[in-house]
Amino acid sequence: MAETYPDQPVNVRQLGQEIVPLALPNFAGVQKNLRLLPADTITILVDPLTAPEKASLDGVVAAHAPSPGNAAASTRGAKVKHGVGQSIAASVDTILSFDTEEYNDRGLMHDVAVNNSRLTVRADGRYAVVASVGWQGATGGIRRADVLLNGTEVIGRDQINDPGPEQVDQGLAVFREFVAGDFIELRVRQETVGPLNVMADP
């Protein structure tokens, strides 16, 4: 079985990587016919889809914008932040949420409504992950920021011990190979006597 779409500029390998995270039944790749006739099509090799699966596939195909040639996945990306401060309880690991996008690769790497803590890799490749956190001023304890892979693995960490009363700013960067479907989150922790805010627009 297959789903077909009108011909459009397509990087077959790249589109296939963008479809993989949808976990469609028996997805077997993308085929593109030669442009000999106006009726040429893009064919997605997949078992029959439910209506929600078809809608998800339609969205990915419609949003597909091929990178020129075999451009690296590092030409893609997203930048997200939070529009208001987030209160972080003492001695509790907390995943930060991001309600604002400065940019988002074809709308595919981040969703402000669903799992908005996550940036999701849509194509295999080598990526740079850069994060910054600004803490409300408070004396003592620790301030920690972790970059998490797939909700469990810490792949980057910055920790400040016993800061003074002024605002504390943290920054960290990770360079790593990722595969389609990996997702990145930013987890923070502070150990003082009460809640502290992570400042808006980190």
N, C-alpha and C. Protein backbone atom coordinates (compact mmCIF):
# COMPACT_ATOMS: atom_id res chain seq x y z
N MET A 1 0.84 -1.19 0.00
CA MET A 1 0.00 0.00 0.00
C MET A 1 0.88 1.25 0.00
N ALA A 2 0.26 2.39 -0.33
CA ALA A 2 1.03 3.62 -0.39
C ALA A 2 0.09 4.82 -0.30
N GLU A 3 0.66 5.94 0.09
CA GLU A 3 -0.01 7.24 0.01
C GLU A 3 0.71 8.06 -1.05
N THR A 4 -0.04 8.75 -1.87
CA THR A 4 0.56 9.55 -2.94
C THR A 4 0.22 11.02 -2.76
N TYR A 5 1.15 11.87 -3.25
CA TYR A 5 1.01 13.32 -3.16
C TYR A 5 1.46 13.93 -4.48
N PRO A 6 0.93 15.10 -4.83
CA PRO A 6 1.38 15.77 -6.05
C PRO A 6 2.87 16.05 -6.01
N ASP A 7 3.48 16.03 -7.17
CA ASP A 7 4.91 16.26 -7.28
C ASP A 7 5.28 17.63 -6.71
N GLN A 8 6.42 17.68 -6.00
CA GLN A 8 6.97 18.93 -5.50
C GLN A 8 8.46 18.71 -5.27
N PRO A 9 9.25 19.77 -5.09
CA PRO A 9 10.67 19.57 -4.79
C PRO A 9 10.83 18.73 -3.53
N VAL A 10 11.57 17.65 -3.63
CA VAL A 10 11.71 16.72 -2.51
C VAL A 10 13.13 16.18 -2.46
N ASN A 11 13.70 16.15 -1.27
CA ASN A 11 14.90 15.37 -0.99
C ASN A 11 14.39 14.06 -0.38
N VAL A 12 14.42 12.98 -1.16
CA VAL A 12 13.77 11.74 -0.75
C VAL A 12 14.30 11.24 0.59
N ARG A 13 15.62 11.25 0.78
CA ARG A 13 16.20 10.76 2.03
C ARG A 13 15.78 11.65 3.20
N GLN A 14 15.82 12.95 2.99
CA GLN A 14 15.47 13.89 4.06
C GLN A 14 14.00 13.75 4.44
N LEU A 15 13.12 13.66 3.44
CA LEU A 15 11.70 13.51 3.74
C LEU A 15 11.44 12.21 4.50
N GLY A 16 12.13 11.14 4.09
CA GLY A 16 11.99 9.88 4.81
C GLY A 16 12.37 10.02 6.28
N GLN A 17 13.46 10.76 6.56
CA GLN A 17 13.89 10.97 7.95
C GLN A 17 12.85 11.77 8.73
N GLU A 18 12.19 12.70 8.06
CA GLU A 18 11.17 13.51 8.73
C GLU A 18 9.92 12.68 9.03
N ILE A 19 9.67 11.64 8.22
CA ILE A 19 8.50 10.80 8.43
C ILE A 19 8.73 9.75 9.50
N VAL A 20 9.97 9.28 9.67
CA VAL A 20 10.27 8.19 10.60
C VAL A 20 9.69 8.42 12.00
N PRO A 21 9.83 9.64 12.62
CA PRO A 21 9.30 9.80 13.98
C PRO A 21 7.79 9.62 14.10
N LEU A 22 7.06 9.63 12.99
CA LEU A 22 5.62 9.42 13.06
C LEU A 22 5.26 7.98 13.39
N ALA A 23 6.24 7.06 13.23
CA ALA A 23 6.02 5.63 13.53
C ALA A 23 4.80 5.08 12.79
N LEU A 24 4.73 5.35 11.50
CA LEU A 24 3.61 4.85 10.69
C LEU A 24 3.75 3.36 10.45
N PRO A 25 2.66 2.63 10.25
CA PRO A 25 2.73 1.17 10.11
C PRO A 25 3.49 0.75 8.85
N ASN A 26 4.58 0.01 9.07
CA ASN A 26 5.39 -0.56 7.98
C ASN A 26 5.82 0.49 6.96
N PHE A 27 6.25 1.65 7.47
CA PHE A 27 6.80 2.67 6.57
C PHE A 27 8.07 2.14 5.91
N ALA A 28 8.12 2.19 4.58
CA ALA A 28 9.24 1.60 3.84
C ALA A 28 9.94 2.59 2.93
N GLY A 29 9.68 3.87 3.10
CA GLY A 29 10.44 4.84 2.35
C GLY A 29 9.60 5.73 1.45
N VAL A 30 10.32 6.60 0.73
CA VAL A 30 9.70 7.59 -0.16
C VAL A 30 10.24 7.37 -1.57
N GLN A 31 9.34 7.42 -2.55
CA GLN A 31 9.74 7.34 -3.95
C GLN A 31 9.23 8.56 -4.68
N LYS A 32 10.06 9.06 -5.58
CA LYS A 32 9.66 10.23 -6.37
C LYS A 32 9.85 9.90 -7.84
N ASN A 33 8.78 10.04 -8.62
CA ASN A 33 8.84 9.74 -10.04
C ASN A 33 9.61 10.82 -10.79
N LEU A 34 10.12 10.43 -11.95
CA LEU A 34 10.75 11.42 -12.81
C LEU A 34 9.72 12.43 -13.28
N ARG A 35 10.14 13.65 -13.49
CA ARG A 35 9.20 14.71 -13.85
C ARG A 35 8.95 14.72 -15.36
N LEU A 36 8.35 13.67 -15.86
CA LEU A 36 8.04 13.59 -17.28
C LEU A 36 6.65 14.10 -17.58
N LEU A 37 5.77 14.03 -16.59
CA LEU A 37 4.39 14.45 -16.78
C LEU A 37 3.97 15.32 -15.61
N PRO A 38 3.04 16.26 -15.83
CA PRO A 38 2.55 17.07 -14.71
C PRO A 38 1.93 16.25 -13.60
N ALA A 39 1.45 15.05 -13.93
CA ALA A 39 0.76 14.22 -12.95
C ALA A 39 1.72 13.39 -12.10
N ASP A 40 3.03 13.57 -12.27
CA ASP A 40 3.97 12.81 -11.46
C ASP A 40 3.69 13.00 -9.98
N THR A 41 4.05 12.01 -9.19
CA THR A 41 3.69 12.02 -7.77
C THR A 41 4.86 11.64 -6.88
N ILE A 42 4.69 11.96 -5.61
CA ILE A 42 5.54 11.46 -4.54
C ILE A 42 4.79 10.30 -3.90
N THR A 43 5.46 9.19 -3.71
CA THR A 43 4.80 8.00 -3.16
C THR A 43 5.43 7.66 -1.82
N ILE A 44 4.60 7.54 -0.80
CA ILE A 44 5.04 7.15 0.53
C ILE A 44 4.62 5.70 0.74
N LEU A 45 5.60 4.81 0.87
CA LEU A 45 5.31 3.39 1.01
C LEU A 45 4.97 3.09 2.46
N VAL A 46 3.70 2.77 2.71
CA VAL A 46 3.22 2.60 4.07
C VAL A 46 1.93 1.80 4.03
N ASP A 47 1.65 1.08 5.12
CA ASP A 47 0.38 0.36 5.22
C ASP A 47 -0.78 1.35 5.37
N PRO A 48 -2.03 0.88 5.21
CA PRO A 48 -3.17 1.79 5.36
C PRO A 48 -3.13 2.54 6.69
N LEU A 49 -3.47 3.83 6.62
CA LEU A 49 -3.35 4.71 7.77
C LEU A 49 -4.71 5.05 8.37
N THR A 50 -4.72 5.26 9.67
CA THR A 50 -5.90 5.83 10.30
C THR A 50 -5.98 7.31 9.93
N ALA A 51 -7.11 7.92 10.20
CA ALA A 51 -7.27 9.34 9.87
C ALA A 51 -6.24 10.22 10.59
N PRO A 52 -5.97 10.01 11.90
CA PRO A 52 -4.95 10.83 12.56
C PRO A 52 -3.55 10.60 11.97
N GLU A 53 -3.22 9.35 11.63
CA GLU A 53 -1.92 9.08 11.02
C GLU A 53 -1.79 9.78 9.67
N LYS A 54 -2.87 9.72 8.88
CA LYS A 54 -2.85 10.39 7.57
C LYS A 54 -2.69 11.89 7.74
N ALA A 55 -3.36 12.47 8.72
CA ALA A 55 -3.25 13.91 8.96
C ALA A 55 -1.82 14.29 9.35
N SER A 56 -1.19 13.45 10.19
CA SER A 56 0.20 13.72 10.58
C SER A 56 1.13 13.64 9.38
N LEU A 57 0.93 12.62 8.54
CA LEU A 57 1.76 12.48 7.34
C LEU A 57 1.54 13.67 6.40
N ASP A 58 0.29 14.06 6.20
CA ASP A 58 0.00 15.21 5.34
C ASP A 58 0.76 16.45 5.82
N GLY A 59 0.79 16.64 7.14
CA GLY A 59 1.46 17.81 7.68
C GLY A 59 2.95 17.81 7.42
N VAL A 60 3.59 16.63 7.58
CA VAL A 60 5.03 16.54 7.34
C VAL A 60 5.35 16.77 5.87
N VAL A 61 4.57 16.17 4.98
CA VAL A 61 4.82 16.35 3.55
C VAL A 61 4.62 17.81 3.15
N ALA A 62 3.58 18.43 3.67
CA ALA A 62 3.31 19.83 3.32
C ALA A 62 4.40 20.76 3.83
N ALA A 63 4.98 20.44 5.00
CA ALA A 63 5.99 21.30 5.59
C ALA A 63 7.39 21.05 5.06
N HIS A 64 7.56 19.94 4.32
CA HIS A 64 8.90 19.56 3.86
C HIS A 64 9.51 20.64 2.98
N ALA A 65 10.69 21.07 3.37
CA ALA A 65 11.46 22.02 2.57
C ALA A 65 12.86 21.46 2.46
N PRO A 66 13.22 20.88 1.31
CA PRO A 66 14.50 20.18 1.22
C PRO A 66 15.69 21.10 1.39
N SER A 67 16.67 20.63 2.14
CA SER A 67 17.94 21.32 2.21
C SER A 67 18.62 21.19 0.86
N PRO A 68 19.34 22.22 0.42
CA PRO A 68 19.99 22.12 -0.89
C PRO A 68 21.04 21.02 -0.92
N GLY A 69 21.02 20.22 -2.00
CA GLY A 69 21.98 19.13 -2.14
C GLY A 69 21.87 18.18 -0.98
N ASN A 70 23.03 17.87 -0.39
CA ASN A 70 23.06 17.01 0.78
C ASN A 70 23.48 17.81 2.00
N ALA A 71 22.88 18.98 2.15
CA ALA A 71 23.26 19.87 3.25
C ALA A 71 23.11 19.16 4.58
N ALA A 72 24.03 19.44 5.50
CA ALA A 72 24.02 18.78 6.80
C ALA A 72 22.82 19.22 7.62
N ALA A 73 22.41 18.35 8.53
CA ALA A 73 21.29 18.67 9.40
C ALA A 73 21.58 19.88 10.26
N SER A 74 22.88 20.23 10.43
CA SER A 74 23.22 21.36 11.28
C SER A 74 22.74 22.68 10.68
N THR A 75 22.28 22.68 9.41
CA THR A 75 21.72 23.90 8.84
C THR A 75 20.31 24.15 9.37
N ARG A 76 19.76 23.22 10.13
CA ARG A 76 18.42 23.35 10.67
C ARG A 76 18.50 23.71 12.14
N GLY A 77 17.34 24.04 12.71
CA GLY A 77 17.37 24.29 14.14
C GLY A 77 16.12 24.96 14.63
N ALA A 78 16.13 25.28 15.92
CA ALA A 78 15.04 25.99 16.56
C ALA A 78 15.62 26.77 17.73
N LYS A 79 14.97 27.89 18.05
CA LYS A 79 15.34 28.67 19.23
C LYS A 79 14.07 28.96 20.00
N VAL A 80 14.05 28.54 21.27
CA VAL A 80 12.84 28.66 22.08
C VAL A 80 13.18 29.33 23.41
N LYS A 81 12.14 29.86 24.05
CA LYS A 81 12.31 30.52 25.35
C LYS A 81 10.97 30.49 26.07
N HIS A 82 10.95 31.07 27.26
CA HIS A 82 9.70 31.17 28.02
C HIS A 82 9.42 32.65 28.27
N GLY A 83 8.15 33.05 28.05
CA GLY A 83 7.80 34.46 28.12
C GLY A 83 7.68 35.03 29.51
N VAL A 84 7.55 34.17 30.53
CA VAL A 84 7.47 34.63 31.92
C VAL A 84 8.38 33.75 32.77
N GLY A 85 8.73 34.24 33.98
CA GLY A 85 9.57 33.45 34.86
C GLY A 85 8.88 32.15 35.28
N GLN A 86 9.70 31.13 35.56
CA GLN A 86 9.18 29.84 36.01
C GLN A 86 9.67 29.58 37.43
N SER A 87 8.74 29.34 38.34
CA SER A 87 9.08 29.10 39.73
C SER A 87 9.62 27.68 39.90
N ILE A 88 10.79 27.56 40.52
CA ILE A 88 11.45 26.27 40.71
C ILE A 88 11.53 25.98 42.21
N ALA A 89 10.86 24.92 42.63
CA ALA A 89 10.89 24.54 44.05
C ALA A 89 12.29 24.12 44.47
N ALA A 90 12.58 24.28 45.75
CA ALA A 90 13.88 23.90 46.27
C ALA A 90 14.06 22.38 46.24
N SER A 91 15.24 21.94 45.86
CA SER A 91 15.66 20.53 45.92
C SER A 91 14.77 19.60 45.09
N VAL A 92 14.25 20.11 43.98
CA VAL A 92 13.43 19.31 43.07
C VAL A 92 13.95 19.48 41.65
N ASP A 93 14.26 18.37 40.96
CA ASP A 93 14.62 18.45 39.54
C ASP A 93 13.40 18.88 38.74
N THR A 94 13.54 19.91 37.92
CA THR A 94 12.41 20.48 37.19
C THR A 94 12.77 20.67 35.72
N ILE A 95 11.91 20.17 34.84
CA ILE A 95 12.09 20.37 33.40
C ILE A 95 11.48 21.71 33.02
N LEU A 96 12.24 22.56 32.35
CA LEU A 96 11.73 23.85 31.92
C LEU A 96 10.82 23.70 30.71
N SER A 97 9.79 24.52 30.67
CA SER A 97 8.91 24.56 29.50
C SER A 97 9.22 25.80 28.68
N PHE A 98 8.84 25.76 27.39
CA PHE A 98 9.13 26.85 26.47
C PHE A 98 7.88 27.18 25.68
N ASP A 99 7.32 28.36 25.96
CA ASP A 99 6.04 28.72 25.34
C ASP A 99 6.18 29.64 24.14
N THR A 100 7.42 29.97 23.77
CA THR A 100 7.66 30.95 22.70
C THR A 100 8.77 30.44 21.78
N GLU A 101 8.55 30.57 20.48
CA GLU A 101 9.54 30.19 19.48
C GLU A 101 10.05 31.43 18.76
N GLU A 102 11.37 31.61 18.75
CA GLU A 102 11.94 32.65 17.90
C GLU A 102 12.04 32.14 16.47
N TYR A 103 12.39 30.87 16.31
CA TYR A 103 12.27 30.19 15.03
C TYR A 103 12.21 28.70 15.28
N ASN A 104 11.69 27.97 14.30
CA ASN A 104 11.45 26.54 14.45
C ASN A 104 11.43 25.92 13.07
N ASP A 105 12.40 25.06 12.78
CA ASP A 105 12.59 24.48 11.45
C ASP A 105 11.30 23.86 10.91
N ARG A 106 10.60 24.59 10.05
CA ARG A 106 9.38 24.13 9.39
C ARG A 106 8.32 23.66 10.39
N GLY A 107 8.41 24.17 11.63
CA GLY A 107 7.43 23.80 12.64
C GLY A 107 7.57 22.39 13.16
N LEU A 108 8.71 21.73 12.87
CA LEU A 108 8.83 20.31 13.17
C LEU A 108 9.60 19.98 14.44
N MET A 109 10.43 20.90 14.94
CA MET A 109 11.30 20.56 16.06
C MET A 109 10.68 20.85 17.43
N HIS A 110 9.66 21.70 17.47
CA HIS A 110 9.09 22.12 18.75
C HIS A 110 7.61 22.39 18.57
N ASP A 111 6.85 22.15 19.64
CA ASP A 111 5.42 22.43 19.65
C ASP A 111 5.12 23.20 20.93
N VAL A 112 4.53 24.39 20.83
CA VAL A 112 4.28 25.19 22.03
C VAL A 112 3.14 24.63 22.88
N ALA A 113 2.33 23.73 22.31
CA ALA A 113 1.16 23.20 23.03
C ALA A 113 1.36 21.80 23.58
N VAL A 114 2.12 20.95 22.89
CA VAL A 114 2.29 19.55 23.27
C VAL A 114 3.76 19.29 23.56
N ASN A 115 4.06 18.79 24.75
CA ASN A 115 5.46 18.51 25.15
C ASN A 115 6.36 19.70 24.83
N ASN A 116 5.96 20.89 25.31
CA ASN A 116 6.70 22.08 24.90
C ASN A 116 8.04 22.25 25.60
N SER A 117 8.41 21.27 26.41
CA SER A 117 9.77 21.25 26.97
C SER A 117 10.78 20.68 25.98
N ARG A 118 10.29 20.08 24.88
CA ARG A 118 11.16 19.27 24.02
C ARG A 118 11.53 19.96 22.70
N LEU A 119 12.78 19.75 22.32
CA LEU A 119 13.21 19.97 20.94
C LEU A 119 13.49 18.59 20.36
N THR A 120 12.85 18.27 19.25
CA THR A 120 12.93 16.93 18.68
C THR A 120 13.72 16.94 17.39
N VAL A 121 14.70 16.03 17.31
CA VAL A 121 15.53 15.90 16.11
C VAL A 121 14.72 15.21 15.02
N ARG A 122 14.68 15.80 13.82
CA ARG A 122 13.91 15.24 12.72
C ARG A 122 14.77 14.59 11.65
N ALA A 123 16.09 14.77 11.74
CA ALA A 123 16.98 14.16 10.76
C ALA A 123 18.30 13.80 11.43
N ASP A 124 18.83 12.62 11.13
CA ASP A 124 20.12 12.22 11.69
C ASP A 124 21.16 13.30 11.38
N GLY A 125 22.07 13.50 12.31
CA GLY A 125 23.15 14.44 12.04
C GLY A 125 23.83 14.92 13.29
N ARG A 126 24.78 15.82 13.10
CA ARG A 126 25.56 16.40 14.20
C ARG A 126 24.99 17.79 14.50
N TYR A 127 24.62 18.00 15.75
CA TYR A 127 23.95 19.24 16.14
C TYR A 127 24.69 19.91 17.30
N ALA A 128 24.50 21.22 17.40
CA ALA A 128 24.94 21.99 18.56
C ALA A 128 23.71 22.34 19.38
N VAL A 129 23.76 22.04 20.67
CA VAL A 129 22.69 22.40 21.60
C VAL A 129 23.26 23.45 22.56
N VAL A 130 22.66 24.62 22.57
CA VAL A 130 23.14 25.72 23.40
C VAL A 130 22.00 26.16 24.31
N ALA A 131 22.29 26.28 25.60
CA ALA A 131 21.24 26.63 26.57
C ALA A 131 21.76 27.69 27.53
N SER A 132 20.84 28.55 28.00
CA SER A 132 21.19 29.51 29.04
C SER A 132 20.05 29.61 30.03
N VAL A 133 20.41 29.83 31.28
CA VAL A 133 19.44 29.92 32.38
C VAL A 133 19.84 31.10 33.25
N GLY A 134 18.87 31.97 33.56
CA GLY A 134 19.09 33.06 34.49
C GLY A 134 18.27 32.86 35.75
N TRP A 135 18.93 32.82 36.89
CA TRP A 135 18.26 32.56 38.17
C TRP A 135 18.05 33.86 38.94
N GLN A 136 16.90 33.97 39.59
CA GLN A 136 16.66 35.02 40.57
C GLN A 136 17.76 34.99 41.64
N GLY A 137 18.16 36.16 42.10
CA GLY A 137 19.22 36.22 43.10
C GLY A 137 18.80 35.62 44.44
N ALA A 138 19.70 34.84 45.03
CA ALA A 138 19.51 34.27 46.37
C ALA A 138 20.85 33.69 46.81
N THR A 139 21.12 33.75 48.10
CA THR A 139 22.41 33.32 48.61
C THR A 139 22.43 31.83 48.92
N GLY A 140 23.55 31.17 48.60
CA GLY A 140 23.80 29.81 49.02
C GLY A 140 23.15 28.75 48.14
N GLY A 141 23.36 27.50 48.53
CA GLY A 141 22.83 26.37 47.78
C GLY A 141 23.56 26.14 46.48
N ILE A 142 22.90 25.47 45.55
CA ILE A 142 23.47 25.24 44.23
C ILE A 142 22.47 25.72 43.18
N ARG A 143 22.99 25.97 41.96
CA ARG A 143 22.17 26.18 40.79
C ARG A 143 22.72 25.23 39.73
N ARG A 144 21.85 24.38 39.20
CA ARG A 144 22.30 23.37 38.24
C ARG A 144 21.42 23.41 37.00
N ALA A 145 22.05 23.20 35.86
CA ALA A 145 21.32 23.08 34.59
C ALA A 145 21.86 21.87 33.84
N ASP A 146 20.95 20.99 33.43
CA ASP A 146 21.32 19.77 32.70
C ASP A 146 20.64 19.76 31.33
N VAL A 147 21.38 19.38 30.31
CA VAL A 147 20.78 19.05 29.02
C VAL A 147 20.49 17.56 29.04
N LEU A 148 19.22 17.18 28.84
CA LEU A 148 18.80 15.78 28.87
C LEU A 148 18.52 15.27 27.47
N LEU A 149 18.94 14.03 27.23
CA LEU A 149 18.62 13.34 25.98
C LEU A 149 17.55 12.29 26.27
N ASN A 150 16.44 12.39 25.56
CA ASN A 150 15.35 11.41 25.64
C ASN A 150 14.84 11.21 27.07
N GLY A 151 14.88 12.28 27.86
CA GLY A 151 14.28 12.28 29.17
C GLY A 151 15.08 11.65 30.29
N THR A 152 16.25 11.07 29.97
CA THR A 152 16.99 10.36 31.02
C THR A 152 18.49 10.66 31.04
N GLU A 153 19.13 10.70 29.90
CA GLU A 153 20.59 10.79 29.86
C GLU A 153 21.06 12.23 29.93
N VAL A 154 21.91 12.53 30.92
CA VAL A 154 22.50 13.87 31.03
C VAL A 154 23.69 13.94 30.06
N ILE A 155 23.58 14.84 29.08
CA ILE A 155 24.67 14.98 28.10
C ILE A 155 25.39 16.32 28.22
N GLY A 156 24.95 17.15 29.15
CA GLY A 156 25.64 18.40 29.43
C GLY A 156 25.19 18.93 30.78
N ARG A 157 26.12 19.51 31.55
CA ARG A 157 25.77 20.01 32.89
C ARG A 157 26.61 21.23 33.23
N ASP A 158 25.96 22.18 33.90
CA ASP A 158 26.66 23.31 34.50
C ASP A 158 26.12 23.46 35.92
N GLN A 159 27.02 23.60 36.89
CA GLN A 159 26.59 23.76 38.28
C GLN A 159 27.40 24.84 38.95
N ILE A 160 26.70 25.70 39.70
CA ILE A 160 27.33 26.75 40.49
C ILE A 160 27.02 26.49 41.95
N ASN A 161 28.07 26.48 42.79
CA ASN A 161 27.91 26.22 44.22
C ASN A 161 28.01 27.51 45.02
N ASP A 162 27.15 27.66 46.00
CA ASP A 162 27.18 28.77 46.96
C ASP A 162 27.30 30.14 46.29
N PRO A 163 26.35 30.49 45.41
CA PRO A 163 26.41 31.81 44.78
C PRO A 163 26.06 32.92 45.78
N GLY A 164 26.41 34.13 45.42
CA GLY A 164 26.05 35.29 46.22
C GLY A 164 24.61 35.71 45.96
N PRO A 165 24.20 36.88 46.46
CA PRO A 165 22.79 37.28 46.39
C PRO A 165 22.35 37.81 45.03
N GLU A 166 23.29 38.02 44.11
CA GLU A 166 22.94 38.58 42.82
C GLU A 166 22.37 37.51 41.88
N GLN A 167 21.75 37.96 40.77
CA GLN A 167 21.25 37.01 39.77
C GLN A 167 22.39 36.15 39.26
N VAL A 168 22.10 34.87 39.06
CA VAL A 168 23.09 33.91 38.56
C VAL A 168 22.72 33.51 37.14
N ASP A 169 23.68 33.57 36.24
CA ASP A 169 23.47 33.17 34.84
C ASP A 169 24.34 31.95 34.53
N GLN A 170 23.71 30.96 33.90
CA GLN A 170 24.41 29.75 33.51
C GLN A 170 24.30 29.56 32.01
N GLY A 171 25.33 28.97 31.43
CA GLY A 171 25.30 28.65 30.00
C GLY A 171 26.04 27.36 29.75
N LEU A 172 25.55 26.58 28.80
CA LEU A 172 26.24 25.34 28.45
C LEU A 172 25.97 25.01 26.99
N ALA A 173 26.89 24.26 26.41
CA ALA A 173 26.78 23.87 25.00
C ALA A 173 27.20 22.41 24.86
N VAL A 174 26.51 21.69 23.99
CA VAL A 174 26.79 20.28 23.72
C VAL A 174 26.84 20.10 22.21
N PHE A 175 27.86 19.40 21.73
CA PHE A 175 27.98 19.06 20.31
C PHE A 175 27.96 17.54 20.22
N ARG A 176 27.02 17.00 19.43
CA ARG A 176 26.81 15.55 19.49
C ARG A 176 26.08 15.06 18.25
N GLU A 177 26.27 13.76 17.96
CA GLU A 177 25.50 13.09 16.92
C GLU A 177 24.15 12.68 17.49
N PHE A 178 23.08 13.00 16.76
CA PHE A 178 21.74 12.59 17.15
C PHE A 178 21.10 11.83 16.00
N VAL A 179 20.06 11.07 16.32
CA VAL A 179 19.29 10.37 15.29
C VAL A 179 17.86 10.88 15.33
N ALA A 180 17.18 10.74 14.20
CA ALA A 180 15.80 11.20 14.10
C ALA A 180 14.96 10.59 15.22
N GLY A 181 14.19 11.43 15.89
CA GLY A 181 13.36 10.99 17.01
C GLY A 181 13.94 11.30 18.37
N ASP A 182 15.26 11.55 18.47
CA ASP A 182 15.84 11.99 19.74
C ASP A 182 15.20 13.31 20.16
N PHE A 183 15.04 13.51 21.48
CA PHE A 183 14.56 14.81 21.93
C PHE A 183 15.42 15.33 23.09
N ILE A 184 15.51 16.64 23.14
CA ILE A 184 16.36 17.34 24.08
C ILE A 184 15.48 18.14 25.03
N GLU A 185 15.82 18.15 26.33
CA GLU A 185 15.15 18.98 27.31
C GLU A 185 16.19 19.66 28.20
N LEU A 186 15.75 20.72 28.90
CA LEU A 186 16.61 21.44 29.83
C LEU A 186 16.03 21.27 31.23
N ARG A 187 16.81 20.63 32.11
CA ARG A 187 16.38 20.37 33.48
C ARG A 187 17.19 21.23 34.43
N VAL A 188 16.52 21.79 35.44
CA VAL A 188 17.23 22.64 36.41
C VAL A 188 16.96 22.15 37.83
N ARG A 189 17.82 22.59 38.72
CA ARG A 189 17.68 22.28 40.16
C ARG A 189 18.32 23.40 40.96
N GLN A 190 17.67 23.75 42.04
CA GLN A 190 18.27 24.72 42.97
C GLN A 190 18.04 24.21 44.39
N GLU A 191 19.01 24.44 45.25
CA GLU A 191 18.90 23.99 46.64
C GLU A 191 19.11 25.19 47.56
N THR A 192 17.98 25.83 47.89
CA THR A 192 17.97 26.92 48.87
C THR A 192 16.84 26.61 49.85
N VAL A 193 16.35 27.64 50.55
CA VAL A 193 15.32 27.39 51.56
C VAL A 193 13.90 27.52 50.99
N GLY A 194 13.77 27.90 49.73
CA GLY A 194 12.44 28.08 49.16
C GLY A 194 12.52 28.16 47.65
N PRO A 195 11.38 28.45 46.99
CA PRO A 195 11.36 28.52 45.54
C PRO A 195 12.16 29.71 45.00
N LEU A 196 12.70 29.52 43.81
CA LEU A 196 13.38 30.60 43.08
C LEU A 196 12.84 30.62 41.65
N ASN A 197 12.88 31.79 41.05
CA ASN A 197 12.45 31.90 39.65
C ASN A 197 13.61 31.72 38.70
N VAL A 198 13.37 30.95 37.65
CA VAL A 198 14.19 31.05 36.45
C VAL A 198 13.61 32.21 35.67
N MET A 199 14.45 33.15 35.29
CA MET A 199 13.98 34.40 34.70
C MET A 199 13.40 34.16 33.31
N ALA A 200 12.53 35.08 32.89
CA ALA A 200 11.91 34.99 31.56
C ALA A 200 12.98 35.11 30.48
N ASP A 201 12.65 34.56 29.31
CA ASP A 201 13.49 34.66 28.11
C ASP A 201 14.90 34.14 28.31
N PRO A 202 15.07 32.95 28.94
CA PRO A 202 16.43 32.40 29.03
C PRO A 202 16.90 31.97 27.64
